[in-house]
Amino acid sequence: MFEYGKFLDSEVQREHFTRQELRMNTVGKELMAQRITDHIRKIFLVRKTPPIILKWKPDLTYSGQEGVEAQEKVAY
């Protein structure tokens, strides 16, 4: 549906809910938390594109007289 949204398998059994069947019990919450954690780990382990590597430009602010004045102002 969306590239940034995913559906998780949420098949849970009756024993994962409280007696009133309205809320998940501790076991059900742990199960869902484990599934979400596994899915997040899969997302971060798979890289679709390599990172962009940029070359650094030489720093021109500290060259010449202007750089010395700038360093003095920063130091005090």
PDB file of N, CA and C in Angstrom:
ATOM      1  N   MET A   1       0.831  -1.180   0.000  1.00  0.00           N
ATOM      2  CA  MET A   1       0.000   0.000   0.000  1.00  0.00           C
ATOM      3  C   MET A   1       0.881   1.250   0.000  1.00  0.00           C
ATOM      4  N   PHE A   2       1.606   1.489   1.084  1.00  0.00           N
ATOM      5  CA  PHE A   2       2.554   2.592   1.157  1.00  0.00           C
ATOM      6  C   PHE A   2       3.951   2.017   1.331  1.00  0.00           C
ATOM      7  N   GLU A   3       4.940   2.727   0.797  1.00  0.00           N
ATOM      8  CA  GLU A   3       6.309   2.242   0.923  1.00  0.00           C
ATOM      9  C   GLU A   3       6.792   2.306   2.367  1.00  0.00           C
ATOM     10  N   TYR A   4       6.326   3.286   3.122  1.00  0.00           N
ATOM     11  CA  TYR A   4       6.777   3.475   4.496  1.00  0.00           C
ATOM     12  C   TYR A   4       5.884   2.796   5.523  1.00  0.00           C
ATOM     13  N   GLY A   5       4.857   2.120   5.097  1.00  0.00           N
ATOM     14  CA  GLY A   5       3.965   1.418   6.020  1.00  0.00           C
ATOM     15  C   GLY A   5       3.977  -0.079   5.747  1.00  0.00           C
ATOM     16  N   LYS A   6       3.900  -0.871   6.775  1.00  0.00           N
ATOM     17  CA  LYS A   6       3.912  -2.326   6.641  1.00  0.00           C
ATOM     18  C   LYS A   6       2.814  -2.924   7.504  1.00  0.00           C
ATOM     19  N   PHE A   7       2.303  -4.075   7.071  1.00  0.00           N
ATOM     20  CA  PHE A   7       1.362  -4.846   7.866  1.00  0.00           C
ATOM     21  C   PHE A   7       2.106  -5.992   8.517  1.00  0.00           C
ATOM     22  N   LEU A   8       1.819  -6.224   9.789  1.00  0.00           N
ATOM     23  CA  LEU A   8       2.440  -7.331  10.512  1.00  0.00           C
ATOM     24  C   LEU A   8       1.409  -8.419  10.743  1.00  0.00           C
ATOM     25  N   ASP A   9       1.899  -9.631  10.819  1.00  0.00           N
ATOM     26  CA  ASP A   9       1.034 -10.759  11.126  1.00  0.00           C
ATOM     27  C   ASP A   9       0.579 -10.625  12.573  1.00  0.00           C
ATOM     28  N   SER A  10      -0.706 -10.440  12.765  1.00  0.00           N
ATOM     29  CA  SER A  10      -1.203 -10.250  14.140  1.00  0.00           C
ATOM     30  C   SER A  10      -2.105 -11.396  14.577  1.00  0.00           C
ATOM     31  N   GLU A  11      -1.867 -12.567  14.022  1.00  0.00           N
ATOM     32  CA  GLU A  11      -2.661 -13.722  14.433  1.00  0.00           C
ATOM     33  C   GLU A  11      -2.280 -14.098  15.869  1.00  0.00           C
ATOM     34  N   VAL A  12      -3.222 -13.913  16.745  1.00  0.00           N
ATOM     35  CA  VAL A  12      -3.016 -14.275  18.145  1.00  0.00           C
ATOM     36  C   VAL A  12      -4.156 -15.201  18.567  1.00  0.00           C
ATOM     37  N   GLN A  13      -3.881 -15.996  19.544  1.00  0.00           N
ATOM     38  CA  GLN A  13      -4.857 -16.973  20.024  1.00  0.00           C
ATOM     39  C   GLN A  13      -5.649 -16.401  21.202  1.00  0.00           C
ATOM     40  N   ARG A  14      -6.628 -17.125  21.593  1.00  0.00           N
ATOM     41  CA  ARG A  14      -7.505 -16.697  22.687  1.00  0.00           C
ATOM     42  C   ARG A  14      -6.732 -16.534  23.992  1.00  0.00           C
ATOM     43  N   GLU A  15      -5.720 -17.360  24.190  1.00  0.00           N
ATOM     44  CA  GLU A  15      -4.960 -17.282  25.447  1.00  0.00           C
ATOM     45  C   GLU A  15      -4.091 -16.032  25.543  1.00  0.00           C
ATOM     46  N   HIS A  16      -4.013 -15.249  24.494  1.00  0.00           N
ATOM     47  CA  HIS A  16      -3.242 -14.010  24.530  1.00  0.00           C
ATOM     48  C   HIS A  16      -4.077 -12.813  24.994  1.00  0.00           C
ATOM     49  N   PHE A  17      -5.330 -13.043  25.319  1.00  0.00           N
ATOM     50  CA  PHE A  17      -6.218 -11.970  25.767  1.00  0.00           C
ATOM     51  C   PHE A  17      -6.655 -12.217  27.200  1.00  0.00           C
ATOM     52  N   THR A  18      -7.181 -11.167  27.835  1.00  0.00           N
ATOM     53  CA  THR A  18      -7.717 -11.292  29.189  1.00  0.00           C
ATOM     54  C   THR A  18      -9.049 -12.048  29.138  1.00  0.00           C
ATOM     55  N   ARG A  19      -9.609 -12.298  30.292  1.00  0.00           N
ATOM     56  CA  ARG A  19     -10.885 -13.026  30.342  1.00  0.00           C
ATOM     57  C   ARG A  19     -12.010 -12.256  29.658  1.00  0.00           C
ATOM     58  N   GLN A  20     -11.947 -10.935  29.729  1.00  0.00           N
ATOM     59  CA  GLN A  20     -12.991 -10.121  29.101  1.00  0.00           C
ATOM     60  C   GLN A  20     -12.809 -10.051  27.583  1.00  0.00           C
ATOM     61  N   GLU A  21     -11.660 -10.539  27.082  1.00  0.00           N
ATOM     62  CA  GLU A  21     -11.337 -10.571  25.655  1.00  0.00           C
ATOM     63  C   GLU A  21     -11.251  -9.181  25.024  1.00  0.00           C
ATOM     64  N   LEU A  22     -11.055  -8.161  25.829  1.00  0.00           N
ATOM     65  CA  LEU A  22     -10.952  -6.813  25.284  1.00  0.00           C
ATOM     66  C   LEU A  22      -9.508  -6.338  25.175  1.00  0.00           C
ATOM     67  N   ARG A  23      -8.666  -6.839  26.048  1.00  0.00           N
ATOM     68  CA  ARG A  23      -7.267  -6.388  26.078  1.00  0.00           C
ATOM     69  C   ARG A  23      -6.339  -7.585  26.030  1.00  0.00           C
ATOM     70  N   MET A  24      -5.140  -7.324  25.523  1.00  0.00           N
ATOM     71  CA  MET A  24      -4.140  -8.397  25.496  1.00  0.00           C
ATOM     72  C   MET A  24      -3.540  -8.555  26.885  1.00  0.00           C
ATOM     73  N   ASN A  25      -3.230  -9.778  27.235  1.00  0.00           N
ATOM     74  CA  ASN A  25      -2.549 -10.019  28.497  1.00  0.00           C
ATOM     75  C   ASN A  25      -1.036  -9.875  28.292  1.00  0.00           C
ATOM     76  N   THR A  26      -0.267 -10.158  29.297  1.00  0.00           N
ATOM     77  CA  THR A  26       1.184  -9.976  29.244  1.00  0.00           C
ATOM     78  C   THR A  26       1.825 -10.815  28.143  1.00  0.00           C
ATOM     79  N   VAL A  27       1.389 -12.044  28.001  1.00  0.00           N
ATOM     80  CA  VAL A  27       1.955 -12.928  26.979  1.00  0.00           C
ATOM     81  C   VAL A  27       1.652 -12.388  25.582  1.00  0.00           C
ATOM     82  N   GLY A  28       0.430 -11.925  25.360  1.00  0.00           N
ATOM     83  CA  GLY A  28       0.056 -11.366  24.065  1.00  0.00           C
ATOM     84  C   GLY A  28       0.832 -10.095  23.740  1.00  0.00           C
ATOM     85  N   LYS A  29       1.027  -9.249  24.745  1.00  0.00           N
ATOM     86  CA  LYS A  29       1.806  -8.022  24.543  1.00  0.00           C
ATOM     87  C   LYS A  29       3.263  -8.338  24.209  1.00  0.00           C
ATOM     88  N   GLU A  30       3.815  -9.312  24.908  1.00  0.00           N
ATOM     89  CA  GLU A  30       5.198  -9.710  24.630  1.00  0.00           C
ATOM     90  C   GLU A  30       5.327 -10.283  23.218  1.00  0.00           C
ATOM     91  N   LEU A  31       4.346 -11.067  22.797  1.00  0.00           N
ATOM     92  CA  LEU A  31       4.355 -11.638  21.456  1.00  0.00           C
ATOM     93  C   LEU A  31       4.335 -10.542  20.390  1.00  0.00           C
ATOM     94  N   MET A  32       3.444  -9.575  20.545  1.00  0.00           N
ATOM     95  CA  MET A  32       3.360  -8.481  19.568  1.00  0.00           C
ATOM     96  C   MET A  32       4.610  -7.611  19.605  1.00  0.00           C
ATOM     97  N   ALA A  33       5.154  -7.364  20.778  1.00  0.00           N
ATOM     98  CA  ALA A  33       6.382  -6.575  20.885  1.00  0.00           C
ATOM     99  C   ALA A  33       7.542  -7.287  20.192  1.00  0.00           C
ATOM    100  N   GLN A  34       7.616  -8.600  20.333  1.00  0.00           N
ATOM    101  CA  GLN A  34       8.664  -9.378  19.677  1.00  0.00           C
ATOM    102  C   GLN A  34       8.520  -9.320  18.162  1.00  0.00           C
ATOM    103  N   ARG A  35       7.298  -9.408  17.665  1.00  0.00           N
ATOM    104  CA  ARG A  35       7.071  -9.325  16.212  1.00  0.00           C
ATOM    105  C   ARG A  35       7.449  -7.955  15.666  1.00  0.00           C
ATOM    106  N   ILE A  36       7.094  -6.908  16.382  1.00  0.00           N
ATOM    107  CA  ILE A  36       7.448  -5.548  15.945  1.00  0.00           C
ATOM    108  C   ILE A  36       8.962  -5.375  15.961  1.00  0.00           C
ATOM    109  N   THR A  37       9.617  -5.857  17.001  1.00  0.00           N
ATOM    110  CA  THR A  37      11.069  -5.760  17.112  1.00  0.00           C
ATOM    111  C   THR A  37      11.755  -6.504  15.973  1.00  0.00           C
ATOM    112  N   ASP A  38      11.294  -7.688  15.662  1.00  0.00           N
ATOM    113  CA  ASP A  38      11.878  -8.462  14.560  1.00  0.00           C
ATOM    114  C   ASP A  38      11.736  -7.725  13.236  1.00  0.00           C
ATOM    115  N   HIS A  39      10.582  -7.126  13.018  1.00  0.00           N
ATOM    116  CA  HIS A  39      10.349  -6.403  11.767  1.00  0.00           C
ATOM    117  C   HIS A  39      11.246  -5.163  11.661  1.00  0.00           C
ATOM    118  N   ILE A  40      11.407  -4.442  12.758  1.00  0.00           N
ATOM    119  CA  ILE A  40      12.278  -3.255  12.755  1.00  0.00           C
ATOM    120  C   ILE A  40      13.718  -3.658  12.495  1.00  0.00           C
ATOM    121  N   ARG A  41      14.159  -4.748  13.076  1.00  0.00           N
ATOM    122  CA  ARG A  41      15.526  -5.215  12.831  1.00  0.00           C
ATOM    123  C   ARG A  41      15.739  -5.578  11.369  1.00  0.00           C
ATOM    124  N   LYS A  42      14.749  -6.197  10.744  1.00  0.00           N
ATOM    125  CA  LYS A  42      14.855  -6.529   9.318  1.00  0.00           C
ATOM    126  C   LYS A  42      14.978  -5.264   8.473  1.00  0.00           C
ATOM    127  N   ILE A  43      14.241  -4.234   8.838  1.00  0.00           N
ATOM    128  CA  ILE A  43      14.296  -2.972   8.085  1.00  0.00           C
ATOM    129  C   ILE A  43      15.691  -2.379   8.153  1.00  0.00           C
ATOM    130  N   PHE A  44      16.296  -2.361   9.331  1.00  0.00           N
ATOM    131  CA  PHE A  44      17.599  -1.728   9.481  1.00  0.00           C
ATOM    132  C   PHE A  44      18.744  -2.592   8.961  1.00  0.00           C
ATOM    133  N   LEU A  45      18.562  -3.885   8.856  1.00  0.00           N
ATOM    134  CA  LEU A  45      19.620  -4.742   8.337  1.00  0.00           C
ATOM    135  C   LEU A  45      19.703  -4.698   6.811  1.00  0.00           C
ATOM    136  N   VAL A  46      18.605  -4.445   6.152  1.00  0.00           N
ATOM    137  CA  VAL A  46      18.565  -4.425   4.690  1.00  0.00           C
ATOM    138  C   VAL A  46      18.711  -2.984   4.207  1.00  0.00           C
ATOM    139  N   ARG A  47      19.754  -2.733   3.440  1.00  0.00           N
ATOM    140  CA  ARG A  47      19.938  -1.420   2.838  1.00  0.00           C
ATOM    141  C   ARG A  47      19.669  -1.536   1.352  1.00  0.00           C
ATOM    142  N   LYS A  48      18.775  -0.727   0.860  1.00  0.00           N
ATOM    143  CA  LYS A  48      18.393  -0.806  -0.538  1.00  0.00           C
ATOM    144  C   LYS A  48      19.395  -0.089  -1.441  1.00  0.00           C
ATOM    145  N   THR A  49      19.929   1.012  -0.988  1.00  0.00           N
ATOM    146  CA  THR A  49      20.880   1.767  -1.797  1.00  0.00           C
ATOM    147  C   THR A  49      22.132   2.026  -0.977  1.00  0.00           C
ATOM    148  N   PRO A  50      23.275   2.083  -1.633  1.00  0.00           N
ATOM    149  CA  PRO A  50      24.492   2.398  -0.890  1.00  0.00           C
ATOM    150  C   PRO A  50      24.479   3.864  -0.447  1.00  0.00           C
ATOM    151  N   PRO A  51      25.162   4.191   0.622  1.00  0.00           N
ATOM    152  CA  PRO A  51      25.184   5.578   1.083  1.00  0.00           C
ATOM    153  C   PRO A  51      25.919   6.467   0.095  1.00  0.00           C
ATOM    154  N   ILE A  52      25.565   7.736   0.083  1.00  0.00           N
ATOM    155  CA  ILE A  52      26.212   8.705  -0.790  1.00  0.00           C
ATOM    156  C   ILE A  52      27.480   9.193  -0.101  1.00  0.00           C
ATOM    157  N   ILE A  53      28.588   9.091  -0.786  1.00  0.00           N
ATOM    158  CA  ILE A  53      29.865   9.526  -0.227  1.00  0.00           C
ATOM    159  C   ILE A  53      30.253  10.844  -0.887  1.00  0.00           C
ATOM    160  N   LEU A  54      30.428  11.873  -0.087  1.00  0.00           N
ATOM    161  CA  LEU A  54      30.796  13.192  -0.585  1.00  0.00           C
ATOM    162  C   LEU A  54      32.221  13.516  -0.181  1.00  0.00           C
ATOM    163  N   LYS A  55      32.918  14.205  -1.064  1.00  0.00           N
ATOM    164  CA  LYS A  55      34.273  14.643  -0.744  1.00  0.00           C
ATOM    165  C   LYS A  55      34.183  15.970  -0.007  1.00  0.00           C
ATOM    166  N   TRP A  56      35.072  16.164   0.953  1.00  0.00           N
ATOM    167  CA  TRP A  56      35.096  17.390   1.722  1.00  0.00           C
ATOM    168  C   TRP A  56      35.810  18.474   0.941  1.00  0.00           C
ATOM    169  N   LYS A  57      35.277  19.677   1.003  1.00  0.00           N
ATOM    170  CA  LYS A  57      35.935  20.822   0.402  1.00  0.00           C
ATOM    171  C   LYS A  57      36.931  21.361   1.419  1.00  0.00           C
ATOM    172  N   PRO A  58      38.042  21.947   0.954  1.00  0.00           N
ATOM    173  CA  PRO A  58      38.982  22.525   1.919  1.00  0.00           C
ATOM    174  C   PRO A  58      38.328  23.699   2.649  1.00  0.00           C
ATOM    175  N   ASP A  59      38.617  23.805   3.924  1.00  0.00           N
ATOM    176  CA  ASP A  59      38.042  24.861   4.750  1.00  0.00           C
ATOM    177  C   ASP A  59      38.789  26.155   4.490  1.00  0.00           C
ATOM    178  N   LEU A  60      38.105  27.140   3.927  1.00  0.00           N
ATOM    179  CA  LEU A  60      38.738  28.398   3.542  1.00  0.00           C
ATOM    180  C   LEU A  60      38.589  29.486   4.601  1.00  0.00           C
ATOM    181  N   THR A  61      37.860  29.237   5.671  1.00  0.00           N
ATOM    182  CA  THR A  61      37.618  30.283   6.662  1.00  0.00           C
ATOM    183  C   THR A  61      38.850  30.599   7.499  1.00  0.00           C
ATOM    184  N   TYR A  62      39.779  29.671   7.671  1.00  0.00           N
ATOM    185  CA  TYR A  62      40.937  29.905   8.516  1.00  0.00           C
ATOM    186  C   TYR A  62      42.199  30.198   7.723  1.00  0.00           C
ATOM    187  N   SER A  63      42.093  30.435   6.429  1.00  0.00           N
ATOM    188  CA  SER A  63      43.279  30.764   5.646  1.00  0.00           C
ATOM    189  C   SER A  63      43.429  32.277   5.565  1.00  0.00           C
ATOM    190  N   GLY A  64      44.626  32.754   5.712  1.00  0.00           N
ATOM    191  CA  GLY A  64      44.880  34.188   5.613  1.00  0.00           C
ATOM    192  C   GLY A  64      44.564  34.934   6.881  1.00  0.00           C
ATOM    193  N   GLN A  65      44.524  36.256   6.789  1.00  0.00           N
ATOM    194  CA  GLN A  65      44.323  37.139   7.926  1.00  0.00           C
ATOM    195  C   GLN A  65      42.925  36.989   8.528  1.00  0.00           C
ATOM    196  N   GLU A  66      41.922  36.807   7.699  1.00  0.00           N
ATOM    197  CA  GLU A  66      40.557  36.699   8.210  1.00  0.00           C
ATOM    198  C   GLU A  66      40.418  35.505   9.147  1.00  0.00           C
ATOM    199  N   GLY A  67      41.107  34.437   8.864  1.00  0.00           N
ATOM    200  CA  GLY A  67      41.037  33.249   9.702  1.00  0.00           C
ATOM    201  C   GLY A  67      41.623  33.489  11.074  1.00  0.00           C
ATOM    202  N   VAL A  68      42.719  34.247  11.156  1.00  0.00           N
ATOM    203  CA  VAL A  68      43.356  34.531  12.438  1.00  0.00           C
ATOM    204  C   VAL A  68      42.430  35.384  13.288  1.00  0.00           C
ATOM    205  N   GLU A  69      41.809  36.405  12.684  1.00  0.00           N
ATOM    206  CA  GLU A  69      40.884  37.245  13.440  1.00  0.00           C
ATOM    207  C   GLU A  69      39.673  36.442  13.914  1.00  0.00           C
ATOM    208  N   ALA A  70      39.199  35.562  13.072  1.00  0.00           N
ATOM    209  CA  ALA A  70      38.065  34.743  13.453  1.00  0.00           C
ATOM    210  C   ALA A  70      38.426  33.810  14.612  1.00  0.00           C
ATOM    211  N   GLN A  71      39.657  33.270  14.598  1.00  0.00           N
ATOM    212  CA  GLN A  71      40.084  32.372  15.686  1.00  0.00           C
ATOM    213  C   GLN A  71      40.219  33.147  16.981  1.00  0.00           C
ATOM    214  N   GLU A  72      40.717  34.388  16.918  1.00  0.00           N
ATOM    215  CA  GLU A  72      40.869  35.193  18.131  1.00  0.00           C
ATOM    216  C   GLU A  72      39.514  35.524  18.736  1.00  0.00           C
ATOM    217  N   LYS A  73      38.538  35.820  17.903  1.00  0.00           N
ATOM    218  CA  LYS A  73      37.204  36.140  18.412  1.00  0.00           C
ATOM    219  C   LYS A  73      36.559  34.914  19.058  1.00  0.00           C
ATOM    220  N   VAL A  74      36.793  33.765  18.495  1.00  0.00           N
ATOM    221  CA  VAL A  74      36.209  32.546  19.045  1.00  0.00           C
ATOM    222  C   VAL A  74      36.894  32.177  20.351  1.00  0.00           C
ATOM    223  N   ALA A  75      38.211  32.404  20.450  1.00  0.00           N
ATOM    224  CA  ALA A  75      38.953  32.004  21.633  1.00  0.00           C
ATOM    225  C   ALA A  75      38.564  32.839  22.853  1.00  0.00           C
ATOM    226  N   TYR A  76      38.140  34.055  22.657  1.00  0.00           N
ATOM    227  CA  TYR A  76      37.806  34.914  23.809  1.00  0.00           C
ATOM    228  C   TYR A  76      36.366  35.090  23.873  1.00  0.00           C
TER     229      TYR A  76
END
